[in-house]
Amino acid sequence: MPRLESLRQNSTDWRDWRRGGLGSSDAPVVMGDSRWMMPRTLWEIKTRRSEGPERDNLATRRGRKLEAAARVAYEAETAEIMEPHCMSHDHLSWMRASLDGLNFDASLVLEIKCPLRSRDHALALEGQVPRHYYAQLQHQLEVSRARELHYWSFDGRRGALVKVMPDHGYIERLVQAEAEFWRNVTENRWPEPRFEEQDLSSDPNWSDAARRYRRVRQRLDELSDEERELRNRLLGLSDSRRAVGAGGELIRTSRKGAVNYGAIPELEGVDLDRYRKEPVEVVKINILASPG
């Protein structure tokens, strides 16, 4: 049976516990599906070479602000009462999960998301889980041994429920990948050479630009919070398709949902990669907790 841990989420003890193993949010990184972090960066965090990306950002603040409302909305929709819990795997002590909710007989797990990206919420409305969260959910199902997981996406006004079942073939691959990754942590080694990486901490031009970037990003996050709050106020003040006043205009429209190509039987076995366009470069700049 999985072990329940007597920990309060977001406490100092909880953070130490998370760092001493692999949590569910680490799973997409290990599987190479994370949009926010590379496996090498996670290894540096777990081996205490790095503090990692800053935790108090726009996304985390939004999640904390909306989580209570999201839980109320979920319980109203499903009549399920869920309590947050921390759990460790029954025989892999390094495999851990901080659950947003677990029902009374531990058969059902809840994962709450309050996404900044409207695309993620739109996928949930269509009954799909964004790819970058799939490993996280299967990790939670493996640790908890629950029969089902409810992925609840909440945009601040309405929620979307996606039911997720254990994917045993995927879980087997996930556990193997995580076990190998954790061995690299405990043995304090990284098997891949550090291609295309530079340490520019001694470059004064880089340091100046990085510090200025941090300050600008902080101001942008503060303005984004304010913009989202005012946007929601304007939405609440109008129930028409179009509203105008004081130099502002609000227009409500709808668009077709994205096509779920995986649900089209005629495409089964078709190699869709043949039809992909050329890859494009994507650049992401993280704000680290301890700047160099």
Foldseek 3Di string as FASTA:
>chain_A
DKDWDPDDPPDPVNVVLCLQAPELLCLLQLVVNAPQDHLVQNLCCSLVVFVFFDDPFLQNVVCVVCVVVLQVQVCVVPVFDFDWTKIAAPPPRRQIYTFRGAGPVLQETEDEGQDPDVLQQLQLQVQDHPPSNVSSVLSVCRNSVHQKYWYWYDPNPHIGTHIDGHPVVVSVVSVVSRVVSVVCNVVVHDDDDPPPDDDCLVPPVVLVVLVVVVVVSVVVSVVVVVVVVVVVVVVVVDDDQWDDDPHDIDHDDDDDGDDPVVPDVVCVPPDCVVVDDDDDDDDDDGHGPDRD
